[in-house]
Amino acid sequence: TSKSVFYRYFGDKAGLQQAVAERVLGRLEQELHEAAASARSPLD
């Protein structure tokens, strides 16, 4: 696609970086919650 499309949705590269971070870190936080919830012991 064109650069103008990304600017229209995210403003600039910093905005795109934040949107990607929200997605990636949100997924990671969910996985950390699942790891803690499914653990058989605190060490696990």
Full PDB file with SEQRES, HELIX, SHEET, SSBOND, CRYST1, ORIGX, SCALE, CONECT and MASTER records, all heavy atoms in Angstrom:
SEQRES   1 A   44  THR SER LYS SER VAL PHE TYR ARG TYR PHE GLY ASP LYS          
SEQRES   2 A   44  ALA GLY LEU GLN GLN ALA VAL ALA GLU ARG VAL LEU GLY          
SEQRES   3 A   44  ARG LEU GLU GLN GLU LEU HIS GLU ALA ALA ALA SER ALA          
SEQRES   4 A   44  ARG SER PRO LEU ASP                                          
HELIX    1 AA1 LYS A    3  PHE A   10  1                                   8    
HELIX    2 AA2 LYS A   13  SER A   38  1                                  26    
CRYST1    1.000    1.000    1.000  90.00  90.00  90.00 P 1           1          
ORIGX1      1.000000  0.000000  0.000000        0.00000                         
ORIGX2      0.000000  1.000000  0.000000        0.00000                         
ORIGX3      0.000000  0.000000  1.000000        0.00000                         
SCALE1      1.000000  0.000000  0.000000        0.00000                         
SCALE2      0.000000  1.000000  0.000000        0.00000                         
SCALE3      0.000000  0.000000  1.000000        0.00000                         
ATOM      1  N   THR A   1       0.853  -1.182   0.000  1.00  0.00           N  
ATOM      2  CA  THR A   1       0.000   0.000   0.000  1.00  0.00           C  
ATOM      3  C   THR A   1       0.895   1.239   0.000  1.00  0.00           C  
ATOM      4  O   THR A   1       2.110   1.132  -0.190  1.00  0.00           O  
ATOM      5  CB  THR A   1      -0.951  -0.004   1.211  1.00  0.00           C  
ATOM      6  OG1 THR A   1      -1.866   1.087   1.091  1.00  0.00           O  
ATOM      7  CG2 THR A   1      -0.188   0.099   2.521  1.00  0.00           C  
ATOM      8  N   SER A   2       0.313   2.394   0.202  1.00  0.00           N  
ATOM      9  CA  SER A   2       1.092   3.624   0.162  1.00  0.00           C  
ATOM     10  C   SER A   2       1.386   4.127   1.572  1.00  0.00           C  
ATOM     11  O   SER A   2       0.677   3.805   2.531  1.00  0.00           O  
ATOM     12  CB  SER A   2       0.334   4.713  -0.609  1.00  0.00           C  
ATOM     13  OG  SER A   2      -0.845   5.074   0.093  1.00  0.00           O  
ATOM     14  N   LYS A   3       2.433   4.935   1.684  1.00  0.00           N  
ATOM     15  CA  LYS A   3       2.791   5.517   2.974  1.00  0.00           C  
ATOM     16  C   LYS A   3       1.675   6.397   3.505  1.00  0.00           C  
ATOM     17  O   LYS A   3       1.451   6.460   4.720  1.00  0.00           O  
ATOM     18  CB  LYS A   3       4.085   6.310   2.830  1.00  0.00           C  
ATOM     19  CG  LYS A   3       4.579   6.949   4.117  1.00  0.00           C  
ATOM     20  CD  LYS A   3       5.964   7.548   3.950  1.00  0.00           C  
ATOM     21  CE  LYS A   3       5.934   8.723   2.982  1.00  0.00           C  
ATOM     22  NZ  LYS A   3       7.258   9.408   2.923  1.00  0.00           N  
ATOM     23  N   SER A   4       0.962   7.066   2.622  1.00  0.00           N  
ATOM     24  CA  SER A   4      -0.112   7.958   3.056  1.00  0.00           C  
ATOM     25  C   SER A   4      -1.207   7.205   3.804  1.00  0.00           C  
ATOM     26  O   SER A   4      -1.852   7.753   4.702  1.00  0.00           O  
ATOM     27  CB  SER A   4      -0.703   8.700   1.854  1.00  0.00           C  
ATOM     28  OG  SER A   4      -1.291   7.774   0.939  1.00  0.00           O  
ATOM     29  N   VAL A   5      -1.431   5.931   3.458  1.00  0.00           N  
ATOM     30  CA  VAL A   5      -2.437   5.133   4.160  1.00  0.00           C  
ATOM     31  C   VAL A   5      -2.018   4.933   5.609  1.00  0.00           C  
ATOM     32  O   VAL A   5      -2.829   5.076   6.532  1.00  0.00           O  
ATOM     33  CB  VAL A   5      -2.638   3.776   3.457  1.00  0.00           C  
ATOM     34  CG1 VAL A   5      -3.514   2.856   4.304  1.00  0.00           C  
ATOM     35  CG2 VAL A   5      -3.253   3.975   2.083  1.00  0.00           C  
ATOM     36  N   PHE A   6      -0.753   4.615   5.826  1.00  0.00           N  
ATOM     37  CA  PHE A   6      -0.273   4.436   7.200  1.00  0.00           C  
ATOM     38  C   PHE A   6      -0.345   5.747   7.977  1.00  0.00           C  
ATOM     39  O   PHE A   6      -0.708   5.755   9.157  1.00  0.00           O  
ATOM     40  CB  PHE A   6       1.154   3.884   7.200  1.00  0.00           C  
ATOM     41  CG  PHE A   6       1.216   2.398   7.018  1.00  0.00           C  
ATOM     42  CD1 PHE A   6       1.411   1.833   5.763  1.00  0.00           C  
ATOM     43  CD2 PHE A   6       1.070   1.540   8.102  1.00  0.00           C  
ATOM     44  CE1 PHE A   6       1.475   0.457   5.599  1.00  0.00           C  
ATOM     45  CE2 PHE A   6       1.117   0.168   7.954  1.00  0.00           C  
ATOM     46  CZ  PHE A   6       1.315  -0.381   6.695  1.00  0.00           C  
ATOM     47  N   TYR A   7       0.001   6.847   7.331  1.00  0.00           N  
ATOM     48  CA  TYR A   7      -0.089   8.148   8.011  1.00  0.00           C  
ATOM     49  C   TYR A   7      -1.531   8.486   8.351  1.00  0.00           C  
ATOM     50  O   TYR A   7      -1.817   9.083   9.392  1.00  0.00           O  
ATOM     51  CB  TYR A   7       0.530   9.243   7.142  1.00  0.00           C  
ATOM     52  CG  TYR A   7       2.039   9.307   7.246  1.00  0.00           C  
ATOM     53  CD1 TYR A   7       2.843   8.981   6.161  1.00  0.00           C  
ATOM     54  CD2 TYR A   7       2.660   9.683   8.441  1.00  0.00           C  
ATOM     55  CE1 TYR A   7       4.227   9.030   6.251  1.00  0.00           C  
ATOM     56  CE2 TYR A   7       4.045   9.737   8.544  1.00  0.00           C  
ATOM     57  CZ  TYR A   7       4.817   9.403   7.446  1.00  0.00           C  
ATOM     58  OH  TYR A   7       6.188   9.449   7.542  1.00  0.00           O  
ATOM     59  N   ARG A   8      -2.464   8.108   7.489  1.00  0.00           N  
ATOM     60  CA  ARG A   8      -3.872   8.396   7.734  1.00  0.00           C  
ATOM     61  C   ARG A   8      -4.372   7.655   8.982  1.00  0.00           C  
ATOM     62  O   ARG A   8      -5.164   8.186   9.749  1.00  0.00           O  
ATOM     63  CB  ARG A   8      -4.699   7.999   6.521  1.00  0.00           C  
ATOM     64  CG  ARG A   8      -6.171   8.427   6.592  1.00  0.00           C  
ATOM     65  CD  ARG A   8      -6.943   7.912   5.388  1.00  0.00           C  
ATOM     66  NE  ARG A   8      -6.193   8.100   4.153  1.00  0.00           N  
ATOM     67  CZ  ARG A   8      -6.177   7.237   3.149  1.00  0.00           C  
ATOM     68  NH1 ARG A   8      -6.854   6.105   3.234  1.00  0.00           N  
ATOM     69  NH2 ARG A   8      -5.484   7.495   2.052  1.00  0.00           N  
ATOM     70  N   TYR A   9      -3.898   6.431   9.179  1.00  0.00           N  
ATOM     71  CA  TYR A   9      -4.387   5.617  10.301  1.00  0.00           C  
ATOM     72  C   TYR A   9      -3.565   5.794  11.578  1.00  0.00           C  
ATOM     73  O   TYR A   9      -4.099   5.622  12.678  1.00  0.00           O  
ATOM     74  CB  TYR A   9      -4.401   4.145   9.911  1.00  0.00           C  
ATOM     75  CG  TYR A   9      -5.612   3.752   9.101  1.00  0.00           C  
ATOM     76  CD1 TYR A   9      -5.636   3.899   7.717  1.00  0.00           C  
ATOM     77  CD2 TYR A   9      -6.752   3.231   9.720  1.00  0.00           C  
ATOM     78  CE1 TYR A   9      -6.755   3.544   6.972  1.00  0.00           C  
ATOM     79  CE2 TYR A   9      -7.870   2.871   8.984  1.00  0.00           C  
ATOM     80  CZ  TYR A   9      -7.861   3.030   7.615  1.00  0.00           C  
ATOM     81  OH  TYR A   9      -8.982   2.687   6.873  1.00  0.00           O  
ATOM     82  N   PHE A  10      -2.277   6.121  11.449  1.00  0.00           N  
ATOM     83  CA  PHE A  10      -1.408   6.122  12.632  1.00  0.00           C  
ATOM     84  C   PHE A  10      -0.707   7.452  12.891  1.00  0.00           C  
ATOM     85  O   PHE A  10      -0.061   7.597  13.921  1.00  0.00           O  
ATOM     86  CB  PHE A  10      -0.357   5.013  12.500  1.00  0.00           C  
ATOM     87  CG  PHE A  10      -0.954   3.656  12.279  1.00  0.00           C  
ATOM     88  CD1 PHE A  10      -0.947   3.070  11.023  1.00  0.00           C  
ATOM     89  CD2 PHE A  10      -1.559   2.958  13.321  1.00  0.00           C  
ATOM     90  CE1 PHE A  10      -1.501   1.823  10.808  1.00  0.00           C  
ATOM     91  CE2 PHE A  10      -2.131   1.712  13.121  1.00  0.00           C  
ATOM     92  CZ  PHE A  10      -2.102   1.144  11.858  1.00  0.00           C  
ATOM     93  N   GLY A  11      -0.833   8.404  11.981  1.00  0.00           N  
ATOM     94  CA  GLY A  11      -0.234   9.715  12.190  1.00  0.00           C  
ATOM     95  C   GLY A  11       1.209   9.784  11.751  1.00  0.00           C  
ATOM     96  O   GLY A  11       1.569  10.602  10.900  1.00  0.00           O  
ATOM     97  N   ASP A  12       2.065   8.954  12.314  1.00  0.00           N  
ATOM     98  CA  ASP A  12       3.478   8.909  11.962  1.00  0.00           C  
ATOM     99  C   ASP A  12       4.041   7.557  12.384  1.00  0.00           C  
ATOM    100  O   ASP A  12       3.304   6.680  12.845  1.00  0.00           O  
ATOM    101  CB  ASP A  12       4.255  10.067  12.610  1.00  0.00           C  
ATOM    102  CG  ASP A  12       4.052  10.129  14.124  1.00  0.00           C  
ATOM    103  OD1 ASP A  12       3.607   9.117  14.710  1.00  0.00           O  
ATOM    104  OD2 ASP A  12       4.342  11.177  14.721  1.00  0.00           O  
ATOM    105  N   LYS A  13       5.352   7.407  12.254  1.00  0.00           N  
ATOM    106  CA  LYS A  13       5.964   6.125  12.587  1.00  0.00           C  
ATOM    107  C   LYS A  13       5.821   5.819  14.078  1.00  0.00           C  
ATOM    108  O   LYS A  13       5.651   4.655  14.476  1.00  0.00           O  
ATOM    109  CB  LYS A  13       7.430   6.106  12.178  1.00  0.00           C  
ATOM    110  CG  LYS A  13       8.078   4.740  12.359  1.00  0.00           C  
ATOM    111  CD  LYS A  13       9.505   4.702  11.843  1.00  0.00           C  
ATOM    112  CE  LYS A  13      10.119   3.323  12.039  1.00  0.00           C  
ATOM    113  NZ  LYS A  13      11.514   3.261  11.532  1.00  0.00           N  
ATOM    114  N   ALA A  14       5.898   6.861  14.913  1.00  0.00           N  
ATOM    115  CA  ALA A  14       5.726   6.656  16.352  1.00  0.00           C  
ATOM    116  C   ALA A  14       4.335   6.102  16.662  1.00  0.00           C  
ATOM    117  O   ALA A  14       4.174   5.232  17.527  1.00  0.00           O  
ATOM    118  CB  ALA A  14       5.959   7.960  17.106  1.00  0.00           C  
ATOM    119  N   GLY A  15       3.323   6.603  15.957  1.00  0.00           N  
ATOM    120  CA  GLY A  15       1.969   6.093  16.147  1.00  0.00           C  
ATOM    121  C   GLY A  15       1.839   4.647  15.702  1.00  0.00           C  
ATOM    122  O   GLY A  15       1.152   3.849  16.347  1.00  0.00           O  
ATOM    123  N   LEU A  16       2.504   4.314  14.602  1.00  0.00           N  
ATOM    124  CA  LEU A  16       2.495   2.918  14.133  1.00  0.00           C  
ATOM    125  C   LEU A  16       3.214   2.021  15.136  1.00  0.00           C  
ATOM    126  O   LEU A  16       2.741   0.932  15.463  1.00  0.00           O  
ATOM    127  CB  LEU A  16       3.164   2.823  12.764  1.00  0.00           C  
ATOM    128  CG  LEU A  16       3.331   1.410  12.198  1.00  0.00           C  
ATOM    129  CD1 LEU A  16       1.988   0.732  11.994  1.00  0.00           C  
ATOM    130  CD2 LEU A  16       4.118   1.454  10.878  1.00  0.00           C  
ATOM    131  N   GLN A  17       4.339   2.495  15.633  1.00  0.00           N  
ATOM    132  CA  GLN A  17       5.097   1.726  16.619  1.00  0.00           C  
ATOM    133  C   GLN A  17       4.242   1.461  17.858  1.00  0.00           C  
ATOM    134  O   GLN A  17       4.225   0.344  18.387  1.00  0.00           O  
ATOM    135  CB  GLN A  17       6.361   2.483  17.016  1.00  0.00           C  
ATOM    136  CG  GLN A  17       7.242   1.729  18.001  1.00  0.00           C  
ATOM    137  CD  GLN A  17       8.408   2.577  18.486  1.00  0.00           C  
ATOM    138  OE1 GLN A  17       8.298   3.796  18.619  1.00  0.00           O  
ATOM    139  NE2 GLN A  17       9.522   1.930  18.762  1.00  0.00           N  
ATOM    140  N   GLN A  18       3.498   2.459  18.292  1.00  0.00           N  
ATOM    141  CA  GLN A  18       2.647   2.280  19.466  1.00  0.00           C  
ATOM    142  C   GLN A  18       1.539   1.270  19.194  1.00  0.00           C  
ATOM    143  O   GLN A  18       1.226   0.433  20.046  1.00  0.00           O  
ATOM    144  CB  GLN A  18       2.037   3.613  19.892  1.00  0.00           C  
ATOM    145  CG  GLN A  18       1.137   3.502  21.115  1.00  0.00           C  
ATOM    146  CD  GLN A  18       0.649   4.848  21.604  1.00  0.00           C  
ATOM    147  OE1 GLN A  18       1.116   5.892  21.159  1.00  0.00           O  
ATOM    148  NE2 GLN A  18      -0.307   4.830  22.508  1.00  0.00           N  
ATOM    149  N   ALA A  19       0.942   1.341  18.009  1.00  0.00           N  
ATOM    150  CA  ALA A  19      -0.126   0.397  17.669  1.00  0.00           C  
ATOM    151  C   ALA A  19       0.391  -1.040  17.614  1.00  0.00           C  
ATOM    152  O   ALA A  19      -0.266  -1.972  18.087  1.00  0.00           O  
ATOM    153  CB  ALA A  19      -0.759   0.790  16.333  1.00  0.00           C  
ATOM    154  N   VAL A  20       1.581  -1.218  17.033  1.00  0.00           N  
ATOM    155  CA  VAL A  20       2.174  -2.558  16.981  1.00  0.00           C  
ATOM    156  C   VAL A  20       2.515  -3.026  18.397  1.00  0.00           C  
ATOM    157  O   VAL A  20       2.300  -4.188  18.755  1.00  0.00           O  
ATOM    158  CB  VAL A  20       3.426  -2.563  16.080  1.00  0.00           C  
ATOM    159  CG1 VAL A  20       4.127  -3.919  16.142  1.00  0.00           C  
ATOM    160  CG2 VAL A  20       3.049  -2.239  14.636  1.00  0.00           C  
ATOM    161  N   ALA A  21       3.035  -2.117  19.212  1.00  0.00           N  
ATOM    162  CA  ALA A  21       3.388  -2.470  20.588  1.00  0.00           C  
ATOM    163  C   ALA A  21       2.156  -2.895  21.374  1.00  0.00           C  
ATOM    164  O   ALA A  21       2.209  -3.865  22.141  1.00  0.00           O  
ATOM    165  CB  ALA A  21       4.071  -1.286  21.275  1.00  0.00           C  
ATOM    166  N   GLU A  22       1.068  -2.173  21.214  1.00  0.00           N  
ATOM    167  CA  GLU A  22      -0.159  -2.541  21.926  1.00  0.00           C  
ATOM    168  C   GLU A  22      -0.596  -3.952  21.557  1.00  0.00           C  
ATOM    169  O   GLU A  22      -1.030  -4.734  22.414  1.00  0.00           O  
ATOM    170  CB  GLU A  22      -1.262  -1.539  21.611  1.00  0.00           C  
ATOM    171  CG  GLU A  22      -1.037  -0.169  22.247  1.00  0.00           C  
ATOM    172  CD  GLU A  22      -2.037   0.861  21.762  1.00  0.00           C  
ATOM    173  OE1 GLU A  22      -2.839   0.536  20.861  1.00  0.00           O  
ATOM    174  OE2 GLU A  22      -2.011   2.002  22.264  1.00  0.00           O  
ATOM    175  N   ARG A  23      -0.463  -4.290  20.292  1.00  0.00           N  
ATOM    176  CA  ARG A  23      -0.855  -5.617  19.828  1.00  0.00           C  
ATOM    177  C   ARG A  23       0.093  -6.689  20.361  1.00  0.00           C  
ATOM    178  O   ARG A  23      -0.336  -7.710  20.916  1.00  0.00           O  
ATOM    179  CB  ARG A  23      -0.856  -5.630  18.293  1.00  0.00           C  
ATOM    180  CG  ARG A  23      -1.173  -6.965  17.666  1.00  0.00           C  
ATOM    181  CD  ARG A  23      -2.612  -7.333  17.840  1.00  0.00           C  
ATOM    182  NE  ARG A  23      -2.941  -8.551  17.121  1.00  0.00           N  
ATOM    183  CZ  ARG A  23      -4.109  -9.174  17.200  1.00  0.00           C  
ATOM    184  NH1 ARG A  23      -5.069  -8.667  17.961  1.00  0.00           N  
ATOM    185  NH2 ARG A  23      -4.337 -10.271  16.524  1.00  0.00           N  
ATOM    186  N   VAL A  24       1.396  -6.456  20.203  1.00  0.00           N  
ATOM    187  CA  VAL A  24       2.393  -7.455  20.594  1.00  0.00           C  
ATOM    188  C   VAL A  24       2.424  -7.629  22.106  1.00  0.00           C  
ATOM    189  O   VAL A  24       2.395  -8.758  22.628  1.00  0.00           O  
ATOM    190  CB  VAL A  24       3.786  -7.049  20.066  1.00  0.00           C  
ATOM    191  CG1 VAL A  24       4.865  -7.950  20.643  1.00  0.00           C  
ATOM    192  CG2 VAL A  24       3.809  -7.108  18.542  1.00  0.00           C  
ATOM    193  N   LEU A  25       2.480  -6.510  22.832  1.00  0.00           N  
ATOM    194  CA  LEU A  25       2.572  -6.602  24.285  1.00  0.00           C  
ATOM    195  C   LEU A  25       1.261  -7.078  24.898  1.00  0.00           C  
ATOM    196  O   LEU A  25       1.263  -7.743  25.939  1.00  0.00           O  
ATOM    197  CB  LEU A  25       2.981  -5.249  24.866  1.00  0.00           C  
ATOM    198  CG  LEU A  25       4.369  -4.757  24.434  1.00  0.00           C  
ATOM    199  CD1 LEU A  25       4.659  -3.391  25.051  1.00  0.00           C  
ATOM    200  CD2 LEU A  25       5.467  -5.745  24.796  1.00  0.00           C  
ATOM    201  N   GLY A  26       0.142  -6.747  24.266  1.00  0.00           N  
ATOM    202  CA  GLY A  26      -1.136  -7.257  24.738  1.00  0.00           C  
ATOM    203  C   GLY A  26      -1.201  -8.769  24.627  1.00  0.00           C  
ATOM    204  O   GLY A  26      -1.680  -9.457  25.539  1.00  0.00           O  
ATOM    205  N   ARG A  27      -0.703  -9.284  23.518  1.00  0.00           N  
ATOM    206  CA  ARG A  27      -0.668 -10.743  23.339  1.00  0.00           C  
ATOM    207  C   ARG A  27       0.266 -11.380  24.368  1.00  0.00           C  
ATOM    208  O   ARG A  27      -0.050 -12.420  24.967  1.00  0.00           O  
ATOM    209  CB  ARG A  27      -0.192 -11.072  21.931  1.00  0.00           C  
ATOM    210  CG  ARG A  27       0.029 -12.562  21.691  1.00  0.00           C  
ATOM    211  CD  ARG A  27       0.682 -12.803  20.342  1.00  0.00           C  
ATOM    212  NE  ARG A  27       1.204 -14.159  20.230  1.00  0.00           N  
ATOM    213  CZ  ARG A  27       2.038 -14.543  19.283  1.00  0.00           C  
ATOM    214  NH1 ARG A  27       2.446 -13.681  18.367  1.00  0.00           N  
ATOM    215  NH2 ARG A  27       2.488 -15.779  19.235  1.00  0.00           N  
ATOM    216  N   LEU A  28       1.429 -10.753  24.588  1.00  0.00           N  
ATOM    217  CA  LEU A  28       2.376 -11.311  25.543  1.00  0.00           C  
ATOM    218  C   LEU A  28       1.807 -11.282  26.958  1.00  0.00           C  
ATOM    219  O   LEU A  28       1.950 -12.265  27.707  1.00  0.00           O  
ATOM    220  CB  LEU A  28       3.688 -10.530  25.490  1.00  0.00           C  
ATOM    221  CG  LEU A  28       4.765 -10.942  26.501  1.00  0.00           C  
ATOM    222  CD1 LEU A  28       5.077 -12.431  26.397  1.00  0.00           C  
ATOM    223  CD2 LEU A  28       6.026 -10.113  26.297  1.00  0.00           C  
ATOM    224  N   GLU A  29       1.158 -10.193  27.327  1.00  0.00           N  
ATOM    225  CA  GLU A  29       0.570 -10.122  28.662  1.00  0.00           C  
ATOM    226  C   GLU A  29      -0.483 -11.224  28.848  1.00  0.00           C  
ATOM    227  O   GLU A  29      -0.574 -11.838  29.918  1.00  0.00           O  
ATOM    228  CB  GLU A  29      -0.052  -8.745  28.892  1.00  0.00           C  
ATOM    229  CG  GLU A  29      -0.534  -8.527  30.311  1.00  0.00           C  
ATOM    230  CD  GLU A  29      -1.012  -7.110  30.567  1.00  0.00           C  
ATOM    231  OE1 GLU A  29      -0.703  -6.208  29.753  1.00  0.00           O  
ATOM    232  OE2 GLU A  29      -1.703  -6.888  31.587  1.00  0.00           O  
ATOM    233  N   GLN A  30      -1.271 -11.478  27.804  1.00  0.00           N  
ATOM    234  CA  GLN A  30      -2.264 -12.557  27.880  1.00  0.00           C  
ATOM    235  C   GLN A  30      -1.585 -13.905  28.082  1.00  0.00           C  
ATOM    236  O   GLN A  30      -2.034 -14.732  28.889  1.00  0.00           O  
ATOM    237  CB  GLN A  30      -3.095 -12.578  26.605  1.00  0.00           C  
ATOM    238  CG  GLN A  30      -4.159 -13.669  26.585  1.00  0.00           C  
ATOM    239  CD  GLN A  30      -4.957 -13.678  25.286  1.00  0.00           C  
ATOM    240  OE1 GLN A  30      -4.795 -12.806  24.431  1.00  0.00           O  
ATOM    241  NE2 GLN A  30      -5.813 -14.661  25.127  1.00  0.00           N  
ATOM    242  N   GLU A  31      -0.487 -14.146  27.378  1.00  0.00           N  
ATOM    243  CA  GLU A  31       0.223 -15.409  27.516  1.00  0.00           C  
ATOM    244  C   GLU A  31       0.842 -15.552  28.904  1.00  0.00           C  
ATOM    245  O   GLU A  31       0.900 -16.654  29.466  1.00  0.00           O  
ATOM    246  CB  GLU A  31       1.294 -15.533  26.434  1.00  0.00           C  
ATOM    247  CG  GLU A  31       0.711 -15.688  25.037  1.00  0.00           C  
ATOM    248  CD  GLU A  31       1.774 -15.959  23.990  1.00  0.00           C  
ATOM    249  OE1 GLU A  31       2.963 -16.044  24.357  1.00  0.00           O  
ATOM    250  OE2 GLU A  31       1.421 -16.086  22.801  1.00  0.00           O  
ATOM    251  N   LEU A  32       1.309 -14.449  29.471  1.00  0.00           N  
ATOM    252  CA  LEU A  32       1.864 -14.499  30.823  1.00  0.00           C  
ATOM    253  C   LEU A  32       0.773 -14.835  31.838  1.00  0.00           C  
ATOM    254  O   LEU A  32       0.999 -15.611  32.775  1.00  0.00           O  
ATOM    255  CB  LEU A  32       2.529 -13.173  31.169  1.00  0.00           C  
ATOM    256  CG  LEU A  32       3.760 -12.794  30.340  1.00  0.00           C  
ATOM    257  CD1 LEU A  32       4.302 -11.435  30.783  1.00  0.00           C  
ATOM    258  CD2 LEU A  32       4.846 -13.844  30.446  1.00  0.00           C  
ATOM    259  N   HIS A  33      -0.408 -14.246  31.661  1.00  0.00           N  
ATOM    260  CA  HIS A  33      -1.536 -14.573  32.536  1.00  0.00           C  
ATOM    261  C   HIS A  33      -1.880 -16.060  32.432  1.00  0.00           C  
ATOM    262  O   HIS A  33      -2.131 -16.724  33.448  1.00  0.00           O  
ATOM    263  CB  HIS A  33      -2.757 -13.736  32.172  1.00  0.00           C  
ATOM    264  CG  HIS A  33      -2.786 -12.381  32.805  1.00  0.00           C  
ATOM    265  ND1 HIS A  33      -3.179 -12.185  34.114  1.00  0.00           N  
ATOM    266  CD2 HIS A  33      -2.457 -11.156  32.310  1.00  0.00           C  
ATOM    267  CE1 HIS A  33      -3.104 -10.897  34.408  1.00  0.00           C  
ATOM    268  NE2 HIS A  33      -2.663 -10.254  33.335  1.00  0.00           N  
ATOM    269  N   GLU A  34      -1.908 -16.578  31.213  1.00  0.00           N  
ATOM    270  CA  GLU A  34      -2.234 -17.989  31.017  1.00  0.00           C  
ATOM    271  C   GLU A  34      -1.179 -18.888  31.639  1.00  0.00           C  
ATOM    272  O   GLU A  34      -1.502 -19.928  32.239  1.00  0.00           O  
ATOM    273  CB  GLU A  34      -2.374 -18.281  29.519  1.00  0.00           C  
ATOM    274  CG  GLU A  34      -3.590 -17.613  28.883  1.00  0.00           C  
ATOM    275  CD  GLU A  34      -3.626 -17.773  27.373  1.00  0.00           C  
ATOM    276  OE1 GLU A  34      -2.647 -18.336  26.813  1.00  0.00           O  
ATOM    277  OE2 GLU A  34      -4.604 -17.329  26.745  1.00  0.00           O  
ATOM    278  N   ALA A  35       0.096 -18.495  31.527  1.00  0.00           N  
ATOM    279  CA  ALA A  35       1.167 -19.294  32.123  1.00  0.00           C  
ATOM    280  C   ALA A  35       1.033 -19.325  33.635  1.00  0.00           C  
ATOM    281  O   ALA A  35       1.208 -20.376  34.266  1.00  0.00           O  
ATOM    282  CB  ALA A  35       2.530 -18.727  31.719  1.00  0.00           C  
ATOM    283  N   ALA A  36       0.695 -18.187  34.229  1.00  0.00           N  
ATOM    284  CA  ALA A  36       0.532 -18.131  35.677  1.00  0.00           C  
ATOM    285  C   ALA A  36      -0.689 -18.923  36.123  1.00  0.00           C  
ATOM    286  O   ALA A  36      -0.658 -19.633  37.129  1.00  0.00           O  
ATOM    287  CB  ALA A  36       0.425 -16.679  36.131  1.00  0.00           C  
ATOM    288  N   ALA A  37      -1.774 -18.814  35.357  1.00  0.00           N  
ATOM    289  CA  ALA A  37      -3.026 -19.470  35.752  1.00  0.00           C  
ATOM    290  C   ALA A  37      -2.945 -20.985  35.611  1.00  0.00           C  
ATOM    291  O   ALA A  37      -3.578 -21.719  36.381  1.00  0.00           O  
ATOM    292  CB  ALA A  37      -4.182 -18.934  34.917  1.00  0.00           C  
ATOM    293  N   SER A  38      -2.200 -21.480  34.647  1.00  0.00           N  
ATOM    294  CA  SER A  38      -2.143 -22.919  34.401  1.00  0.00           C  
ATOM    295  C   SER A  38      -1.011 -23.616  35.153  1.00  0.00           C  
ATOM    296  O   SER A  38      -0.882 -24.845  35.074  1.00  0.00           O  
ATOM    297  CB  SER A  38      -1.984 -23.190  32.900  1.00  0.00           C  
ATOM    298  OG  SER A  38      -0.765 -22.646  32.427  1.00  0.00           O  
ATOM    299  N   ALA A  39      -0.204 -22.850  35.875  1.00  0.00           N  
ATOM    300  CA  ALA A  39       0.952 -23.429  36.563  1.00  0.00           C  
ATOM    301  C   ALA A  39       0.513 -24.337  37.706  1.00  0.00           C  
ATOM    302  O   ALA A  39      -0.440 -24.041  38.422  1.00  0.00           O  
ATOM    303  CB  ALA A  39       1.858 -22.322  37.091  1.00  0.00           C  
ATOM    304  N   ARG A  40       1.218 -25.435  37.890  1.00  0.00           N  
ATOM    305  CA  ARG A  40       0.918 -26.365  38.974  1.00  0.00           C  
ATOM    306  C   ARG A  40       1.513 -25.924  40.305  1.00  0.00           C  
ATOM    307  O   ARG A  40       1.122 -26.432  41.356  1.00  0.00           O  
ATOM    308  CB  ARG A  40       1.439 -27.757  38.611  1.00  0.00           C  
ATOM    309  CG  ARG A  40       0.737 -28.390  37.414  1.00  0.00           C  
ATOM    310  CD  ARG A  40       1.441 -29.656  36.984  1.00  0.00           C  
ATOM    311  NE  ARG A  40       2.797 -29.360  36.504  1.00  0.00           N  
ATOM    312  CZ  ARG A  40       3.661 -30.294  36.089  1.00  0.00           C  
ATOM    313  NH1 ARG A  40       3.318 -31.564  36.126  1.00  0.00           N  
ATOM    314  NH2 ARG A  40       4.847 -29.948  35.656  1.00  0.00           N  
ATOM    315  N   SER A  41       2.461 -25.008  40.258  1.00  0.00           N  
ATOM    316  CA  SER A  41       3.100 -24.524  41.473  1.00  0.00           C  
ATOM    317  C   SER A  41       3.588 -23.107  41.230  1.00  0.00           C  
ATOM    318  O   SER A  41       3.695 -22.671  40.072  1.00  0.00           O  
ATOM    319  CB  SER A  41       4.286 -25.422  41.850  1.00  0.00           C  
ATOM    320  OG  SER A  41       5.337 -25.265  40.905  1.00  0.00           O  
ATOM    321  N   PRO A  42       3.898 -22.350  42.284  1.00  0.00           N  
ATOM    322  CA  PRO A  42       4.447 -20.997  42.087  1.00  0.00           C  
ATOM    323  C   PRO A  42       5.729 -21.012  41.259  1.00  0.00           C  
ATOM    324  O   PRO A  42       5.935 -20.135  40.423  1.00  0.00           O  
ATOM    325  CB  PRO A  42       4.699 -20.512  43.517  1.00  0.00           C  
ATOM    326  CG  PRO A  42       3.739 -21.282  44.360  1.00  0.00           C  
ATOM    327  CD  PRO A  42       3.641 -22.634  43.711  1.00  0.00           C  
ATOM    328  N   LEU A  43       6.581 -22.000  41.492  1.00  0.00           N  
ATOM    329  CA  LEU A  43       7.821 -22.083  40.717  1.00  0.00           C  
ATOM    330  C   LEU A  43       7.519 -22.263  39.235  1.00  0.00           C  
ATOM    331  O   LEU A  43       8.117 -21.609  38.379  1.00  0.00           O  
ATOM    332  CB  LEU A  43       8.676 -23.237  41.227  1.00  0.00           C  
ATOM    333  CG  LEU A  43      10.101 -23.353  40.664  1.00  0.00           C  
ATOM    334  CD1 LEU A  43      11.026 -23.979  41.709  1.00  0.00           C  
ATOM    335  CD2 LEU A  43      10.147 -24.175  39.383  1.00  0.00           C  
ATOM    336  N   ASP A  44       6.558 -23.135  38.928  1.00  0.00           N  
ATOM    337  CA  ASP A  44       6.158 -23.327  37.531  1.00  0.00           C  
ATOM    338  C   ASP A  44       5.577 -22.040  36.947  1.00  0.00           C  
ATOM    339  O   ASP A  44       5.735 -21.765  35.755  1.00  0.00           O  
ATOM    340  CB  ASP A  44       5.118 -24.449  37.421  1.00  0.00           C  
ATOM    341  CG  ASP A  44       5.729 -25.828  37.570  1.00  0.00           C  
ATOM    342  OD1 ASP A  44       6.957 -25.943  37.404  1.00  0.00           O  
ATOM    343  OD2 ASP A  44       4.989 -26.780  37.867  1.00  0.00           O  
TER     344      ASP A  44                                                      
MASTER        0    0    0    2    0    0    0    6  343    1    0    4          
END                                                                             
